[in-house]
């Protein structure tokens, strides 16, 4: 039969391990939340997205002028 001292020691040991695991998990979670490692990449992705939207809008606005220019270049090449 197991003595009460051994049971108490086993429970205390398990509680100590669970407290250490909880402390480690809490610390690691806080480190991940405070991490700014991917911040630069995100900022560049947003910047590229904004530039793409601006380029699409510019093409839509200036499409007739671009079409005229393209046709003029094509006619010039065909006239050679």
C-alpha atoms as a PDB file:
ATOM      1  CA  UNK A   1       0.000   0.000   0.000  1.00  0.00           C
ATOM      2  CA  UNK A   2       1.223   3.492  -0.844  1.00  0.00           C
ATOM      3  CA  UNK A   3       1.770   5.802   2.090  1.00  0.00           C
ATOM      4  CA  UNK A   4       0.120   9.209   2.262  1.00  0.00           C
ATOM      5  CA  UNK A   5       3.535  10.891   2.147  1.00  0.00           C
ATOM      6  CA  UNK A   6       4.264   9.364  -1.254  1.00  0.00           C
ATOM      7  CA  UNK A   7       0.853  10.378  -2.605  1.00  0.00           C
ATOM      8  CA  UNK A   8       1.330  13.927  -1.337  1.00  0.00           C
ATOM      9  CA  UNK A   9       4.805  14.079  -2.875  1.00  0.00           C
ATOM     10  CA  UNK A  10       3.464  12.828  -6.235  1.00  0.00           C
ATOM     11  CA  UNK A  11       0.633  15.381  -6.208  1.00  0.00           C
ATOM     12  CA  UNK A  12       3.018  18.192  -5.233  1.00  0.00           C
ATOM     13  CA  UNK A  13       5.362  17.163  -8.037  1.00  0.00           C
ATOM     14  CA  UNK A  14       2.525  17.118 -10.594  1.00  0.00           C
ATOM     15  CA  UNK A  15       1.279  20.519  -9.423  1.00  0.00           C
ATOM     16  CA  UNK A  16       4.785  21.931  -9.666  1.00  0.00           C
ATOM     17  CA  UNK A  17       5.181  20.588 -13.220  1.00  0.00           C
ATOM     18  CA  UNK A  18       1.803  21.968 -14.278  1.00  0.00           C
ATOM     19  CA  UNK A  19       2.657  25.392 -12.810  1.00  0.00           C
ATOM     20  CA  UNK A  20       5.958  25.424 -14.717  1.00  0.00           C
ATOM     21  CA  UNK A  21       4.183  24.386 -17.929  1.00  0.00           C
ATOM     22  CA  UNK A  22       1.562  27.109 -17.422  1.00  0.00           C
ATOM     23  CA  UNK A  23       4.249  29.722 -16.752  1.00  0.00           C
ATOM     24  CA  UNK A  24       6.184  28.661 -19.855  1.00  0.00           C
ATOM     25  CA  UNK A  25       3.044  28.730 -22.034  1.00  0.00           C
ATOM     26  CA  UNK A  26       2.020  32.134 -20.685  1.00  0.00           C
ATOM     27  CA  UNK A  27       5.480  33.583 -21.250  1.00  0.00           C
ATOM     28  CA  UNK A  28       5.681  32.134 -24.768  1.00  0.00           C
ATOM     29  CA  UNK A  29       2.213  33.480 -25.642  1.00  0.00           C
ATOM     30  CA  UNK A  30       3.180  36.955 -24.452  1.00  0.00           C
ATOM     31  CA  UNK A  31       6.375  36.807 -26.528  1.00  0.00           C
ATOM     32  CA  UNK A  32       4.415  35.829 -29.641  1.00  0.00           C
ATOM     33  CA  UNK A  33       1.846  38.575 -29.118  1.00  0.00           C
ATOM     34  CA  UNK A  34       4.529  41.225 -28.607  1.00  0.00           C
ATOM     35  CA  UNK A  35       6.656  39.991 -31.511  1.00  0.00           C
ATOM     36  CA  UNK A  36       7.092  42.421 -34.420  1.00  0.00           C
ATOM     37  CA  UNK A  37       9.048  40.002 -36.591  1.00  0.00           C
ATOM     38  CA  UNK A  38       6.600  39.954 -39.526  1.00  0.00           C
ATOM     39  CA  UNK A  39       5.615  43.603 -39.289  1.00  0.00           C
ATOM     40  CA  UNK A  40       7.920  44.787 -42.098  1.00  0.00           C
ATOM     41  CA  UNK A  41       6.659  42.134 -44.497  1.00  0.00           C
ATOM     42  CA  UNK A  42       3.063  43.090 -43.785  1.00  0.00           C
ATOM     43  CA  UNK A  43       3.802  46.758 -44.402  1.00  0.00           C
ATOM     44  CA  UNK A  44       5.439  45.961 -47.746  1.00  0.00           C
ATOM     45  CA  UNK A  45       2.482  43.785 -48.757  1.00  0.00           C
ATOM     46  CA  UNK A  46       0.062  46.619 -47.981  1.00  0.00           C
ATOM     47  CA  UNK A  47       2.240  49.066 -49.930  1.00  0.00           C
ATOM     48  CA  UNK A  48       2.363  46.764 -52.972  1.00  0.00           C
ATOM     49  CA  UNK A  49      -1.409  46.295 -52.790  1.00  0.00           C
ATOM     50  CA  UNK A  50      -1.994  50.053 -52.745  1.00  0.00           C
ATOM     51  CA  UNK A  51       0.358  50.536 -55.697  1.00  0.00           C
ATOM     52  CA  UNK A  52      -1.471  47.847 -57.687  1.00  0.00           C
ATOM     53  CA  UNK A  53      -4.813  49.540 -57.025  1.00  0.00           C
ATOM     54  CA  UNK A  54      -3.374  52.902 -58.112  1.00  0.00           C
ATOM     55  CA  UNK A  55      -1.951  51.336 -61.297  1.00  0.00           C
ATOM     56  CA  UNK A  56      -5.294  49.721 -62.159  1.00  0.00           C
ATOM     57  CA  UNK A  57      -7.145  53.001 -61.591  1.00  0.00           C
ATOM     58  CA  UNK A  58      -4.613  54.893 -63.733  1.00  0.00           C
ATOM     59  CA  UNK A  59      -5.002  52.398 -66.582  1.00  0.00           C
ATOM     60  CA  UNK A  60      -8.789  52.668 -66.397  1.00  0.00           C
ATOM     61  CA  UNK A  61      -8.717  56.479 -66.393  1.00  0.00           C
ATOM     62  CA  UNK A  62      -6.128  56.867 -69.167  1.00  0.00           C
ATOM     63  CA  UNK A  63      -7.245  53.873 -71.258  1.00  0.00           C
ATOM     64  CA  UNK A  64      -8.458  55.935 -74.262  1.00  0.00           C
ATOM     65  CA  UNK A  65      -5.198  57.908 -74.409  1.00  0.00           C
ATOM     66  CA  UNK A  66      -3.143  54.727 -74.022  1.00  0.00           C
ATOM     67  CA  UNK A  67      -5.146  53.084 -76.812  1.00  0.00           C
ATOM     68  CA  UNK A  68      -4.479  56.068 -79.112  1.00  0.00           C
ATOM     69  CA  UNK A  69      -0.774  55.971 -78.291  1.00  0.00           C
ATOM     70  CA  UNK A  70      -0.616  52.201 -78.869  1.00  0.00           C
ATOM     71  CA  UNK A  71      -2.391  52.527 -82.209  1.00  0.00           C
ATOM     72  CA  UNK A  72      -0.043  55.341 -83.291  1.00  0.00           C
ATOM     73  CA  UNK A  73       2.992  53.217 -82.412  1.00  0.00           C
ATOM     74  CA  UNK A  74       1.542  50.206 -84.261  1.00  0.00           C
ATOM     75  CA  UNK A  75       0.796  52.327 -87.366  1.00  0.00           C
ATOM     76  CA  UNK A  76       4.310  53.784 -87.241  1.00  0.00           C
ATOM     77  CA  UNK A  77       5.858  50.314 -87.119  1.00  0.00           C
ATOM     78  CA  UNK A  78       3.611  49.046 -89.914  1.00  0.00           C
ATOM     79  CA  UNK A  79       4.564  52.081 -92.046  1.00  0.00           C
ATOM     80  CA  UNK A  80       8.231  51.134 -91.967  1.00  0.00           C
END
